[in-house]
């Protein structure tokens, strides 16, 4: 798979969830360094005015690898709801991939965009 194909799947997922009317706007941009390496950035706004800011630095040279990533979800006032990322922390965490909650940081697996959107949209759909 090449980055262009990955981006196509990525944007199709956002478009699919946009049809629910729970997403009010989205902007996805890609910076292709090569056909197999690049950065995807985006902002998705939801019906309650919360926002998801996302970044994926992707490498497809050998297999799909998210070199760095962040899915930062905040409420309409800019307050953190959660953030998935693999940024290095000081003091160091005992795990690379983690999720920030309002009052703690926990270990997690690297999420897919679809999982993050489901986590956000599930409570909004009620």
PDB file of N, CA and C in Angstrom:
ATOM      1  N   UNK A   1       0.846  -1.181   0.000  1.00  0.00           N
ATOM      2  CA  UNK A   1       0.000   0.000   0.000  1.00  0.00           C
ATOM      3  C   UNK A   1       0.889   1.241   0.000  1.00  0.00           C
ATOM      4  N   UNK A   2       0.432   2.240  -0.704  1.00  0.00           N
ATOM      5  CA  UNK A   2       1.136   3.513  -0.739  1.00  0.00           C
ATOM      6  C   UNK A   2       0.372   4.538   0.096  1.00  0.00           C
ATOM      7  N   UNK A   3       1.021   5.637   0.373  1.00  0.00           N
ATOM      8  CA  UNK A   3       0.428   6.680   1.204  1.00  0.00           C
ATOM      9  C   UNK A   3      -0.858   7.233   0.590  1.00  0.00           C
ATOM     10  N   UNK A   4      -0.898   7.386  -0.715  1.00  0.00           N
ATOM     11  CA  UNK A   4      -2.103   7.913  -1.374  1.00  0.00           C
ATOM     12  C   UNK A   4      -3.306   6.999  -1.125  1.00  0.00           C
ATOM     13  N   UNK A   5      -3.086   5.693  -1.157  1.00  0.00           N
ATOM     14  CA  UNK A   5      -4.168   4.742  -0.879  1.00  0.00           C
ATOM     15  C   UNK A   5      -4.624   4.857   0.573  1.00  0.00           C
ATOM     16  N   UNK A   6      -3.664   4.955   1.475  1.00  0.00           N
ATOM     17  CA  UNK A   6      -3.969   5.089   2.902  1.00  0.00           C
ATOM     18  C   UNK A   6      -4.780   6.360   3.140  1.00  0.00           C
ATOM     19  N   UNK A   7      -4.378   7.459   2.514  1.00  0.00           N
ATOM     20  CA  UNK A   7      -5.097   8.727   2.651  1.00  0.00           C
ATOM     21  C   UNK A   7      -6.522   8.592   2.127  1.00  0.00           C
ATOM     22  N   UNK A   8      -6.697   7.878   1.040  1.00  0.00           N
ATOM     23  CA  UNK A   8      -8.022   7.670   0.469  1.00  0.00           C
ATOM     24  C   UNK A   8      -8.927   6.928   1.454  1.00  0.00           C
ATOM     25  N   UNK A   9      -8.416   5.883   2.078  1.00  0.00           N
ATOM     26  CA  UNK A   9      -9.174   5.128   3.079  1.00  0.00           C
ATOM     27  C   UNK A   9      -9.463   6.016   4.293  1.00  0.00           C
ATOM     28  N   UNK A  10      -8.474   6.768   4.706  1.00  0.00           N
ATOM     29  CA  UNK A  10      -8.572   7.676   5.853  1.00  0.00           C
ATOM     30  C   UNK A  10      -9.700   8.682   5.640  1.00  0.00           C
ATOM     31  N   UNK A  11      -9.691   9.362   4.496  1.00  0.00           N
ATOM     32  CA  UNK A  11     -10.721  10.373   4.220  1.00  0.00           C
ATOM     33  C   UNK A  11     -12.097   9.733   4.008  1.00  0.00           C
ATOM     34  N   UNK A  12     -12.127   8.526   3.466  1.00  0.00           N
ATOM     35  CA  UNK A  12     -13.402   7.824   3.294  1.00  0.00           C
ATOM     36  C   UNK A  12     -14.041   7.530   4.650  1.00  0.00           C
ATOM     37  N   UNK A  13     -13.223   7.208   5.644  1.00  0.00           N
ATOM     38  CA  UNK A  13     -13.752   6.966   6.991  1.00  0.00           C
ATOM     39  C   UNK A  13     -14.367   8.243   7.559  1.00  0.00           C
ATOM     40  N   UNK A  14     -13.675   9.355   7.405  1.00  0.00           N
ATOM     41  CA  UNK A  14     -14.209  10.636   7.887  1.00  0.00           C
ATOM     42  C   UNK A  14     -15.508  10.960   7.152  1.00  0.00           C
ATOM     43  N   UNK A  15     -15.523  10.768   5.837  1.00  0.00           N
ATOM     44  CA  UNK A  15     -16.732  11.036   5.047  1.00  0.00           C
ATOM     45  C   UNK A  15     -17.899  10.163   5.499  1.00  0.00           C
ATOM     46  N   UNK A  16     -17.611   8.897   5.778  1.00  0.00           N
ATOM     47  CA  UNK A  16     -18.654   7.971   6.224  1.00  0.00           C
ATOM     48  C   UNK A  16     -19.297   8.465   7.521  1.00  0.00           C
ATOM     49  N   UNK A  17     -18.480   8.875   8.466  1.00  0.00           N
ATOM     50  CA  UNK A  17     -19.013   9.362   9.738  1.00  0.00           C
ATOM     51  C   UNK A  17     -19.654  10.740   9.594  1.00  0.00           C
ATOM     52  N   UNK A  18     -19.238  11.508   8.608  1.00  0.00           N
ATOM     53  CA  UNK A  18     -19.843  12.825   8.375  1.00  0.00           C
ATOM     54  C   UNK A  18     -21.307  12.701   7.981  1.00  0.00           C
ATOM     55  N   UNK A  19     -21.666  11.598   7.374  1.00  0.00           N
ATOM     56  CA  UNK A  19     -23.054  11.377   6.949  1.00  0.00           C
ATOM     57  C   UNK A  19     -24.007  11.211   8.131  1.00  0.00           C
ATOM     58  N   UNK A  20     -23.467  10.982   9.324  1.00  0.00           N
ATOM     59  CA  UNK A  20     -24.307  10.825  10.513  1.00  0.00           C
ATOM     60  C   UNK A  20     -24.815  12.157  11.031  1.00  0.00           C
ATOM     61  N   UNK A  21     -24.296  13.256  10.515  1.00  0.00           N
ATOM     62  CA  UNK A  21     -24.610  14.624  10.954  1.00  0.00           C
ATOM     63  C   UNK A  21     -24.022  14.936  12.324  1.00  0.00           C
ATOM     64  N   UNK A  22     -23.201  14.039  12.866  1.00  0.00           N
ATOM     65  CA  UNK A  22     -22.532  14.302  14.143  1.00  0.00           C
ATOM     66  C   UNK A  22     -21.217  15.036  13.928  1.00  0.00           C
ATOM     67  N   UNK A  23     -20.695  14.976  12.700  1.00  0.00           N
ATOM     68  CA  UNK A  23     -19.509  15.744  12.321  1.00  0.00           C
ATOM     69  C   UNK A  23     -19.998  16.957  11.542  1.00  0.00           C
ATOM     70  N   UNK A  24     -19.619  18.154  11.995  1.00  0.00           N
ATOM     71  CA  UNK A  24     -20.087  19.369  11.323  1.00  0.00           C
ATOM     72  C   UNK A  24     -19.081  19.903  10.313  1.00  0.00           C
ATOM     73  N   UNK A  25     -17.798  19.607  10.513  1.00  0.00           N
ATOM     74  CA  UNK A  25     -16.794  20.011   9.527  1.00  0.00           C
ATOM     75  C   UNK A  25     -15.538  19.168   9.704  1.00  0.00           C
ATOM     76  N   UNK A  26     -14.791  19.058   8.625  1.00  0.00           N
ATOM     77  CA  UNK A  26     -13.523  18.329   8.687  1.00  0.00           C
ATOM     78  C   UNK A  26     -12.570  18.884   7.643  1.00  0.00           C
ATOM     79  N   UNK A  27     -11.306  18.858   7.993  1.00  0.00           N
ATOM     80  CA  UNK A  27     -10.249  19.281   7.077  1.00  0.00           C
ATOM     81  C   UNK A  27      -9.080  18.316   7.264  1.00  0.00           C
ATOM     82  N   UNK A  28      -8.761  17.596   6.212  1.00  0.00           N
ATOM     83  CA  UNK A  28      -7.660  16.634   6.240  1.00  0.00           C
ATOM     84  C   UNK A  28      -6.639  17.073   5.200  1.00  0.00           C
ATOM     85  N   UNK A  29      -5.376  17.164   5.614  1.00  0.00           N
ATOM     86  CA  UNK A  29      -4.293  17.548   4.706  1.00  0.00           C
ATOM     87  C   UNK A  29      -3.191  16.509   4.776  1.00  0.00           C
ATOM     88  N   UNK A  30      -2.525  16.309   3.654  1.00  0.00           N
ATOM     89  CA  UNK A  30      -1.412  15.365   3.604  1.00  0.00           C
ATOM     90  C   UNK A  30      -0.182  16.042   3.029  1.00  0.00           C
ATOM     91  N   UNK A  31       0.951  15.705   3.593  1.00  0.00           N
ATOM     92  CA  UNK A  31       2.250  16.169   3.109  1.00  0.00           C
ATOM     93  C   UNK A  31       3.047  14.919   2.768  1.00  0.00           C
ATOM     94  N   UNK A  32       3.094  14.586   1.484  1.00  0.00           N
ATOM     95  CA  UNK A  32       3.804  13.385   1.039  1.00  0.00           C
ATOM     96  C   UNK A  32       5.276  13.713   0.862  1.00  0.00           C
ATOM     97  N   UNK A  33       6.130  13.075   1.645  1.00  0.00           N
ATOM     98  CA  UNK A  33       7.575  13.243   1.484  1.00  0.00           C
ATOM     99  C   UNK A  33       8.060  12.367   0.327  1.00  0.00           C
ATOM    100  N   UNK A  34       7.515  11.160   0.246  1.00  0.00           N
ATOM    101  CA  UNK A  34       7.715  10.239  -0.874  1.00  0.00           C
ATOM    102  C   UNK A  34       6.372   9.547  -1.073  1.00  0.00           C
ATOM    103  N   UNK A  35       6.294   8.583  -1.968  1.00  0.00           N
ATOM    104  CA  UNK A  35       5.030   7.871  -2.145  1.00  0.00           C
ATOM    105  C   UNK A  35       4.738   6.933  -0.974  1.00  0.00           C
ATOM    106  N   UNK A  36       5.731   6.703  -0.103  1.00  0.00           N
ATOM    107  CA  UNK A  36       5.538   5.794   1.024  1.00  0.00           C
ATOM    108  C   UNK A  36       5.752   6.434   2.394  1.00  0.00           C
ATOM    109  N   UNK A  37       6.108   7.694   2.437  1.00  0.00           N
ATOM    110  CA  UNK A  37       6.343   8.381   3.709  1.00  0.00           C
ATOM    111  C   UNK A  37       5.647   9.740   3.666  1.00  0.00           C
ATOM    112  N   UNK A  38       4.944  10.069   4.738  1.00  0.00           N
ATOM    113  CA  UNK A  38       4.287  11.369   4.776  1.00  0.00           C
ATOM    114  C   UNK A  38       3.560  11.626   6.073  1.00  0.00           C
ATOM    115  N   UNK A  39       2.981  12.810   6.139  1.00  0.00           N
ATOM    116  CA  UNK A  39       2.262  13.255   7.328  1.00  0.00           C
ATOM    117  C   UNK A  39       0.821  13.576   6.941  1.00  0.00           C
ATOM    118  N   UNK A  40      -0.099  13.096   7.752  1.00  0.00           N
ATOM    119  CA  UNK A  40      -1.511  13.431   7.596  1.00  0.00           C
ATOM    120  C   UNK A  40      -1.906  14.242   8.823  1.00  0.00           C
ATOM    121  N   UNK A  41      -2.549  15.377   8.575  1.00  0.00           N
ATOM    122  CA  UNK A  41      -3.018  16.238   9.663  1.00  0.00           C
ATOM    123  C   UNK A  41      -4.492  16.550   9.424  1.00  0.00           C
ATOM    124  N   UNK A  42      -5.205  16.760  10.496  1.00  0.00           N
ATOM    125  CA  UNK A  42      -6.604  17.096  10.318  1.00  0.00           C
ATOM    126  C   UNK A  42      -7.245  17.689  11.547  1.00  0.00           C
ATOM    127  N   UNK A  43      -8.375  18.327  11.302  1.00  0.00           N
ATOM    128  CA  UNK A  43      -9.231  18.846  12.367  1.00  0.00           C
ATOM    129  C   UNK A  43     -10.654  18.419  12.022  1.00  0.00           C
ATOM    130  N   UNK A  44     -11.310  17.802  12.970  1.00  0.00           N
ATOM    131  CA  UNK A  44     -12.694  17.383  12.792  1.00  0.00           C
ATOM    132  C   UNK A  44     -13.511  18.025  13.903  1.00  0.00           C
ATOM    133  N   UNK A  45     -14.576  18.726  13.516  1.00  0.00           N
ATOM    134  CA  UNK A  45     -15.446  19.362  14.509  1.00  0.00           C
ATOM    135  C   UNK A  45     -16.764  18.605  14.578  1.00  0.00           C
ATOM    136  N   UNK A  46     -17.281  18.474  15.787  1.00  0.00           N
ATOM    137  CA  UNK A  46     -18.474  17.682  16.034  1.00  0.00           C
ATOM    138  C   UNK A  46     -19.652  18.570  16.418  1.00  0.00           C
ATOM    139  N   UNK A  47     -20.825  17.973  16.439  1.00  0.00           N
ATOM    140  CA  UNK A  47     -22.068  18.708  16.643  1.00  0.00           C
ATOM    141  C   UNK A  47     -22.105  19.461  17.978  1.00  0.00           C
ATOM    142  N   UNK A  48     -21.374  18.996  18.982  1.00  0.00           N
ATOM    143  CA  UNK A  48     -21.333  19.680  20.284  1.00  0.00           C
ATOM    144  C   UNK A  48     -20.202  20.707  20.362  1.00  0.00           C
ATOM    145  N   UNK A  49     -19.589  21.008  19.213  1.00  0.00           N
ATOM    146  CA  UNK A  49     -18.485  21.967  19.066  1.00  0.00           C
ATOM    147  C   UNK A  49     -17.157  21.457  19.628  1.00  0.00           C
ATOM    148  N   UNK A  50     -17.100  20.185  20.021  1.00  0.00           N
ATOM    149  CA  UNK A  50     -15.818  19.595  20.403  1.00  0.00           C
ATOM    150  C   UNK A  50     -15.004  19.377  19.131  1.00  0.00           C
ATOM    151  N   UNK A  51     -13.676  19.195  19.298  1.00  0.00           N
ATOM    152  CA  UNK A  51     -12.801  19.050  18.133  1.00  0.00           C
ATOM    153  C   UNK A  51     -11.785  17.941  18.353  1.00  0.00           C
ATOM    154  N   UNK A  52     -11.474  17.267  17.259  1.00  0.00           N
ATOM    155  CA  UNK A  52     -10.397  16.283  17.228  1.00  0.00           C
ATOM    156  C   UNK A  52      -9.302  16.836  16.331  1.00  0.00           C
ATOM    157  N   UNK A  53      -8.103  16.996  16.893  1.00  0.00           N
ATOM    158  CA  UNK A  53      -6.919  17.387  16.133  1.00  0.00           C
ATOM    159  C   UNK A  53      -6.087  16.124  15.963  1.00  0.00           C
ATOM    160  N   UNK A  54      -5.719  15.803  14.736  1.00  0.00           N
ATOM    161  CA  UNK A  54      -4.987  14.557  14.528  1.00  0.00           C
ATOM    162  C   UNK A  54      -3.758  14.758  13.661  1.00  0.00           C
ATOM    163  N   UNK A  55      -2.747  13.954  13.948  1.00  0.00           N
ATOM    164  CA  UNK A  55      -1.514  13.929  13.166  1.00  0.00           C
ATOM    165  C   UNK A  55      -1.011  12.497  13.124  1.00  0.00           C
ATOM    166  N   UNK A  56      -0.647  12.037  11.947  1.00  0.00           N
ATOM    167  CA  UNK A  56      -0.005  10.735  11.777  1.00  0.00           C
ATOM    168  C   UNK A  56       1.195  10.916  10.865  1.00  0.00           C
ATOM    169  N   UNK A  57       2.355  10.501  11.323  1.00  0.00           N
ATOM    170  CA  UNK A  57       3.551  10.462  10.480  1.00  0.00           C
ATOM    171  C   UNK A  57       3.717   9.005  10.091  1.00  0.00           C
ATOM    172  N   UNK A  58       3.453   8.703   8.821  1.00  0.00           N
ATOM    173  CA  UNK A  58       3.324   7.336   8.329  1.00  0.00           C
ATOM    174  C   UNK A  58       4.520   6.935   7.478  1.00  0.00           C
ATOM    175  N   UNK A  59       4.941   5.681   7.650  1.00  0.00           N
ATOM    176  CA  UNK A  59       6.019   5.103   6.838  1.00  0.00           C
ATOM    177  C   UNK A  59       5.543   3.754   6.308  1.00  0.00           C
ATOM    178  N   UNK A  60       5.456   3.625   4.990  1.00  0.00           N
ATOM    179  CA  UNK A  60       5.025   2.395   4.334  1.00  0.00           C
ATOM    180  C   UNK A  60       6.173   1.660   3.651  1.00  0.00           C
ATOM    181  N   UNK A  61       7.414   2.003   3.931  1.00  0.00           N
ATOM    182  CA  UNK A  61       8.519   1.378   3.197  1.00  0.00           C
ATOM    183  C   UNK A  61       8.544  -0.135   3.346  1.00  0.00           C
ATOM    184  N   UNK A  62       8.282  -0.637   4.528  1.00  0.00           N
ATOM    185  CA  UNK A  62       8.326  -2.088   4.746  1.00  0.00           C
ATOM    186  C   UNK A  62       6.972  -2.626   5.180  1.00  0.00           C
ATOM    187  N   UNK A  63       6.307  -1.893   6.035  1.00  0.00           N
ATOM    188  CA  UNK A  63       4.957  -2.209   6.500  1.00  0.00           C
ATOM    189  C   UNK A  63       4.368  -0.904   7.018  1.00  0.00           C
ATOM    190  N   UNK A  64       3.092  -0.883   7.290  1.00  0.00           N
ATOM    191  CA  UNK A  64       2.496   0.324   7.852  1.00  0.00           C
ATOM    192  C   UNK A  64       3.081   0.568   9.230  1.00  0.00           C
ATOM    193  N   UNK A  65       3.686   1.729   9.400  1.00  0.00           N
ATOM    194  CA  UNK A  65       4.230   2.107  10.700  1.00  0.00           C
ATOM    195  C   UNK A  65       3.874   3.566  10.968  1.00  0.00           C
ATOM    196  N   UNK A  66       3.213   3.787  12.094  1.00  0.00           N
ATOM    197  CA  UNK A  66       2.936   5.155  12.531  1.00  0.00           C
ATOM    198  C   UNK A  66       4.130   5.581  13.378  1.00  0.00           C
ATOM    199  N   UNK A  67       5.043   6.330  12.767  1.00  0.00           N
ATOM    200  CA  UNK A  67       6.254   6.739  13.476  1.00  0.00           C
ATOM    201  C   UNK A  67       5.909   7.636  14.656  1.00  0.00           C
ATOM    202  N   UNK A  68       5.060   8.604  14.419  1.00  0.00           N
ATOM    203  CA  UNK A  68       4.494   9.415  15.498  1.00  0.00           C
ATOM    204  C   UNK A  68       3.024   9.640  15.178  1.00  0.00           C
ATOM    205  N   UNK A  69       2.252   9.819  16.219  1.00  0.00           N
ATOM    206  CA  UNK A  69       0.828  10.073  16.020  1.00  0.00           C
ATOM    207  C   UNK A  69       0.278  10.806  17.237  1.00  0.00           C
ATOM    208  N   UNK A  70      -0.805  11.506  17.017  1.00  0.00           N
ATOM    209  CA  UNK A  70      -1.550  12.137  18.104  1.00  0.00           C
ATOM    210  C   UNK A  70      -2.990  12.321  17.647  1.00  0.00           C
ATOM    211  N   UNK A  71      -3.904  11.936  18.508  1.00  0.00           N
ATOM    212  CA  UNK A  71      -5.327  12.195  18.324  1.00  0.00           C
ATOM    213  C   UNK A  71      -5.759  12.961  19.568  1.00  0.00           C
ATOM    214  N   UNK A  72      -5.859  14.268  19.455  1.00  0.00           N
ATOM    215  CA  UNK A  72      -6.158  15.137  20.596  1.00  0.00           C
ATOM    216  C   UNK A  72      -7.611  15.581  20.500  1.00  0.00           C
ATOM    217  N   UNK A  73      -8.412  15.152  21.463  1.00  0.00           N
ATOM    218  CA  UNK A  73      -9.838  15.475  21.478  1.00  0.00           C
ATOM    219  C   UNK A  73     -10.120  16.422  22.641  1.00  0.00           C
ATOM    220  N   UNK A  74     -10.774  17.548  22.323  1.00  0.00           N
ATOM    221  CA  UNK A  74     -11.056  18.551  23.351  1.00  0.00           C
ATOM    222  C   UNK A  74     -12.486  19.055  23.228  1.00  0.00           C
ATOM    223  N   UNK A  75     -12.993  19.575  24.341  1.00  0.00           N
ATOM    224  CA  UNK A  75     -14.354  20.110  24.332  1.00  0.00           C
ATOM    225  C   UNK A  75     -14.381  21.498  23.689  1.00  0.00           C
ATOM    226  N   UNK A  76     -15.563  22.095  23.622  1.00  0.00           N
ATOM    227  CA  UNK A  76     -15.704  23.385  22.933  1.00  0.00           C
ATOM    228  C   UNK A  76     -14.944  24.512  23.620  1.00  0.00           C
ATOM    229  N   UNK A  77     -14.557  24.316  24.876  1.00  0.00           N
ATOM    230  CA  UNK A  77     -13.781  25.316  25.610  1.00  0.00           C
ATOM    231  C   UNK A  77     -12.278  25.064  25.536  1.00  0.00           C
ATOM    232  N   UNK A  78     -11.872  24.069  24.759  1.00  0.00           N
ATOM    233  CA  UNK A  78     -10.453  23.767  24.606  1.00  0.00           C
ATOM    234  C   UNK A  78      -9.878  22.888  25.706  1.00  0.00           C
ATOM    235  N   UNK A  79     -10.745  22.316  26.540  1.00  0.00           N
ATOM    236  CA  UNK A  79     -10.286  21.453  27.629  1.00  0.00           C
ATOM    237  C   UNK A  79     -10.128  20.015  27.126  1.00  0.00           C
ATOM    238  N   UNK A  80      -9.029  19.393  27.516  1.00  0.00           N
ATOM    239  CA  UNK A  80      -8.737  18.020  27.103  1.00  0.00           C
ATOM    240  C   UNK A  80      -9.829  17.059  27.560  1.00  0.00           C
ATOM    241  N   UNK A  81     -10.290  16.232  26.625  1.00  0.00           N
ATOM    242  CA  UNK A  81     -11.145  15.094  26.955  1.00  0.00           C
ATOM    243  C   UNK A  81     -10.261  13.848  26.954  1.00  0.00           C
ATOM    244  N   UNK A  82      -9.513  13.646  25.858  1.00  0.00           N
ATOM    245  CA  UNK A  82      -8.484  12.608  25.820  1.00  0.00           C
ATOM    246  C   UNK A  82      -7.505  12.899  24.704  1.00  0.00           C
ATOM    247  N   UNK A  83      -6.348  12.269  24.783  1.00  0.00           N
ATOM    248  CA  UNK A  83      -5.362  12.348  23.703  1.00  0.00           C
ATOM    249  C   UNK A  83      -4.589  11.036  23.660  1.00  0.00           C
ATOM    250  N   UNK A  84      -4.571  10.432  22.481  1.00  0.00           N
ATOM    251  CA  UNK A  84      -3.711   9.280  22.221  1.00  0.00           C
ATOM    252  C   UNK A  84      -2.448   9.810  21.560  1.00  0.00           C
ATOM    253  N   UNK A  85      -1.287   9.344  22.005  1.00  0.00           N
ATOM    254  CA  UNK A  85      -0.050   9.703  21.310  1.00  0.00           C
ATOM    255  C   UNK A  85       1.082   8.777  21.727  1.00  0.00           C
ATOM    256  N   UNK A  86       2.213   8.963  21.072  1.00  0.00           N
ATOM    257  CA  UNK A  86       3.412   8.200  21.430  1.00  0.00           C
ATOM    258  C   UNK A  86       4.590   9.139  21.683  1.00  0.00           C
ATOM    259  N   UNK A  87       4.290  10.349  22.116  1.00  0.00           N
ATOM    260  CA  UNK A  87       5.338  11.326  22.417  1.00  0.00           C
ATOM    261  C   UNK A  87       6.122  10.891  23.657  1.00  0.00           C
ATOM    262  N   UNK A  88       7.406  11.202  23.661  1.00  0.00           N
ATOM    263  CA  UNK A  88       8.260  10.894  24.805  1.00  0.00           C
ATOM    264  C   UNK A  88       7.918  11.857  25.942  1.00  0.00           C
ATOM    265  N   UNK A  89       7.852  11.342  27.146  1.00  0.00           N
ATOM    266  CA  UNK A  89       7.515  12.148  28.319  1.00  0.00           C
ATOM    267  C   UNK A  89       8.698  12.278  29.257  1.00  0.00           C
ATOM    268  N   UNK A  90       8.701  13.373  30.006  1.00  0.00           N
ATOM    269  CA  UNK A  90       9.646  13.555  31.106  1.00  0.00           C
ATOM    270  C   UNK A  90       8.826  13.863  32.340  1.00  0.00           C
ATOM    271  N   UNK A  91       8.877  13.071  33.369  1.00  0.00           N
ATOM    272  CA  UNK A  91       9.665  11.844  33.460  1.00  0.00           C
ATOM    273  C   UNK A  91       9.110  10.776  32.521  1.00  0.00           C
ATOM    274  N   UNK A  92       9.976   9.854  32.145  1.00  0.00           N
ATOM    275  CA  UNK A  92       9.622   8.805  31.188  1.00  0.00           C
ATOM    276  C   UNK A  92       8.474   7.936  31.696  1.00  0.00           C
ATOM    277  N   UNK A  93       7.641   7.553  30.768  1.00  0.00           N
ATOM    278  CA  UNK A  93       6.587   6.586  31.068  1.00  0.00           C
ATOM    279  C   UNK A  93       7.146   5.182  30.872  1.00  0.00           C
ATOM    280  N   UNK A  94       6.497   4.198  31.440  1.00  0.00           N
ATOM    281  CA  UNK A  94       6.929   2.808  31.266  1.00  0.00           C
ATOM    282  C   UNK A  94       6.386   2.202  29.977  1.00  0.00           C
ATOM    283  N   UNK A  95       5.719   3.000  29.160  1.00  0.00           N
ATOM    284  CA  UNK A  95       5.121   2.526  27.919  1.00  0.00           C
ATOM    285  C   UNK A  95       5.205   3.633  26.878  1.00  0.00           C
ATOM    286  N   UNK A  96       5.324   3.221  25.621  1.00  0.00           N
ATOM    287  CA  UNK A  96       5.459   4.201  24.534  1.00  0.00           C
ATOM    288  C   UNK A  96       4.095   4.764  24.125  1.00  0.00           C
ATOM    289  N   UNK A  97       3.180   3.877  23.802  1.00  0.00           N
ATOM    290  CA  UNK A  97       1.855   4.289  23.332  1.00  0.00           C
ATOM    291  C   UNK A  97       0.960   4.503  24.543  1.00  0.00           C
ATOM    292  N   UNK A  98       0.316   5.670  24.585  1.00  0.00           N
ATOM    293  CA  UNK A  98      -0.451   5.995  25.780  1.00  0.00           C
ATOM    294  C   UNK A  98      -1.636   6.907  25.463  1.00  0.00           C
ATOM    295  N   UNK A  99      -2.507   6.992  26.454  1.00  0.00           N
ATOM    296  CA  UNK A  99      -3.707   7.821  26.339  1.00  0.00           C
ATOM    297  C   UNK A  99      -3.755   8.756  27.540  1.00  0.00           C
ATOM    298  N   UNK A 100      -3.870  10.043  27.244  1.00  0.00           N
ATOM    299  CA  UNK A 100      -4.027  11.057  28.286  1.00  0.00           C
ATOM    300  C   UNK A 100      -5.515  11.222  28.564  1.00  0.00           C
ATOM    301  N   UNK A 101      -5.861  11.165  29.824  1.00  0.00           N
ATOM    302  CA  UNK A 101      -7.204  11.492  30.272  1.00  0.00           C
ATOM    303  C   UNK A 101      -7.087  12.760  31.111  1.00  0.00           C
ATOM    304  N   UNK A 102      -8.172  13.258  31.621  1.00  0.00           N
ATOM    305  CA  UNK A 102      -8.110  14.519  32.370  1.00  0.00           C
ATOM    306  C   UNK A 102      -7.146  14.461  33.544  1.00  0.00           C
ATOM    307  N   UNK A 103      -7.071  13.309  34.211  1.00  0.00           N
ATOM    308  CA  UNK A 103      -6.281  13.239  35.437  1.00  0.00           C
ATOM    309  C   UNK A 103      -5.213  12.152  35.463  1.00  0.00           C
ATOM    310  N   UNK A 104      -4.980  11.473  34.332  1.00  0.00           N
ATOM    311  CA  UNK A 104      -3.970  10.416  34.325  1.00  0.00           C
ATOM    312  C   UNK A 104      -3.561  10.068  32.903  1.00  0.00           C
ATOM    313  N   UNK A 105      -2.478   9.292  32.811  1.00  0.00           N
ATOM    314  CA  UNK A 105      -1.979   8.781  31.540  1.00  0.00           C
ATOM    315  C   UNK A 105      -1.936   7.266  31.665  1.00  0.00           C
ATOM    316  N   UNK A 106      -2.540   6.573  30.687  1.00  0.00           N
ATOM    317  CA  UNK A 106      -2.592   5.117  30.736  1.00  0.00           C
ATOM    318  C   UNK A 106      -1.981   4.518  29.472  1.00  0.00           C
ATOM    319  N   UNK A 107      -1.521   3.290  29.586  1.00  0.00           N
ATOM    320  CA  UNK A 107      -0.985   2.560  28.440  1.00  0.00           C
ATOM    321  C   UNK A 107      -2.130   2.188  27.497  1.00  0.00           C
ATOM    322  N   UNK A 108      -1.840   2.137  26.204  1.00  0.00           N
ATOM    323  CA  UNK A 108      -2.853   1.731  25.229  1.00  0.00           C
ATOM    324  C   UNK A 108      -2.167   1.183  23.982  1.00  0.00           C
ATOM    325  N   UNK A 109      -2.954   0.611  23.109  1.00  0.00           N
ATOM    326  CA  UNK A 109      -2.473   0.202  21.791  1.00  0.00           C
ATOM    327  C   UNK A 109      -2.619   1.388  20.845  1.00  0.00           C
ATOM    328  N   UNK A 110      -1.882   1.372  19.754  1.00  0.00           N
ATOM    329  CA  UNK A 110      -2.010   2.433  18.753  1.00  0.00           C
ATOM    330  C   UNK A 110      -3.421   2.355  18.167  1.00  0.00           C
ATOM    331  N   UNK A 111      -4.214   3.408  18.323  1.00  0.00           N
ATOM    332  CA  UNK A 111      -5.581   3.346  17.807  1.00  0.00           C
ATOM    333  C   UNK A 111      -5.637   3.641  16.310  1.00  0.00           C
ATOM    334  N   UNK A 112      -6.667   3.131  15.689  1.00  0.00           N
ATOM    335  CA  UNK A 112      -6.984   3.487  14.310  1.00  0.00           C
ATOM    336  C   UNK A 112      -7.976   4.650  14.354  1.00  0.00           C
ATOM    337  N   UNK A 113      -8.008   5.434  13.306  1.00  0.00           N
ATOM    338  CA  UNK A 113      -8.925   6.570  13.247  1.00  0.00           C
ATOM    339  C   UNK A 113     -10.357   6.133  13.525  1.00  0.00           C
ATOM    340  N   UNK A 114     -10.775   5.032  12.949  1.00  0.00           N
ATOM    341  CA  UNK A 114     -12.146   4.538  13.130  1.00  0.00           C
ATOM    342  C   UNK A 114     -12.456   4.323  14.620  1.00  0.00           C
ATOM    343  N   UNK A 115     -11.502   3.780  15.365  1.00  0.00           N
ATOM    344  CA  UNK A 115     -11.715   3.545  16.797  1.00  0.00           C
ATOM    345  C   UNK A 115     -11.868   4.865  17.556  1.00  0.00           C
ATOM    346  N   UNK A 116     -11.043   5.836  17.209  1.00  0.00           N
ATOM    347  CA  UNK A 116     -11.108   7.143  17.870  1.00  0.00           C
ATOM    348  C   UNK A 116     -12.453   7.810  17.569  1.00  0.00           C
ATOM    349  N   UNK A 117     -12.877   7.758  16.314  1.00  0.00           N
ATOM    350  CA  UNK A 117     -14.168   8.356  15.948  1.00  0.00           C
ATOM    351  C   UNK A 117     -15.323   7.662  16.660  1.00  0.00           C
ATOM    352  N   UNK A 118     -15.271   6.342  16.770  1.00  0.00           N
ATOM    353  CA  UNK A 118     -16.322   5.607  17.489  1.00  0.00           C
ATOM    354  C   UNK A 118     -16.371   6.033  18.953  1.00  0.00           C
ATOM    355  N   UNK A 119     -15.201   6.201  19.566  1.00  0.00           N
ATOM    356  CA  UNK A 119     -15.137   6.619  20.967  1.00  0.00           C
ATOM    357  C   UNK A 119     -15.763   8.002  21.157  1.00  0.00           C
ATOM    358  N   UNK A 120     -15.561   8.877  20.201  1.00  0.00           N
ATOM    359  CA  UNK A 120     -16.120  10.234  20.278  1.00  0.00           C
ATOM    360  C   UNK A 120     -17.611  10.234  19.949  1.00  0.00           C
ATOM    361  N   UNK A 121     -17.985   9.548  18.879  1.00  0.00           N
ATOM    362  CA  UNK A 121     -19.352   9.641  18.372  1.00  0.00           C
ATOM    363  C   UNK A 121     -20.365   8.830  19.163  1.00  0.00           C
ATOM    364  N   UNK A 122     -19.930   7.771  19.808  1.00  0.00           N
ATOM    365  CA  UNK A 122     -20.861   6.928  20.558  1.00  0.00           C
ATOM    366  C   UNK A 122     -21.663   7.723  21.593  1.00  0.00           C
ATOM    367  N   UNK A 123     -21.024   8.523  22.452  1.00  0.00           N
ATOM    368  CA  UNK A 123     -21.815   9.324  23.399  1.00  0.00           C
ATOM    369  C   UNK A 123     -22.634  10.433  22.716  1.00  0.00           C
ATOM    370  N   UNK A 124     -22.140  10.975  21.605  1.00  0.00           N
ATOM    371  CA  UNK A 124     -22.856  12.052  20.913  1.00  0.00           C
ATOM    372  C   UNK A 124     -24.136  11.551  20.254  1.00  0.00           C
ATOM    373  N   UNK A 125     -24.160  10.276  19.884  1.00  0.00           N
ATOM    374  CA  UNK A 125     -25.304   9.707  19.177  1.00  0.00           C
ATOM    375  C   UNK A 125     -26.480   9.415  20.111  1.00  0.00           C
ATOM    376  N   UNK A 126     -26.227   9.448  21.410  1.00  0.00           N
ATOM    377  CA  UNK A 126     -27.296   9.111  22.375  1.00  0.00           C
ATOM    378  C   UNK A 126     -28.240  10.266  22.592  1.00  0.00           C
TER     379      UNK A 126
END
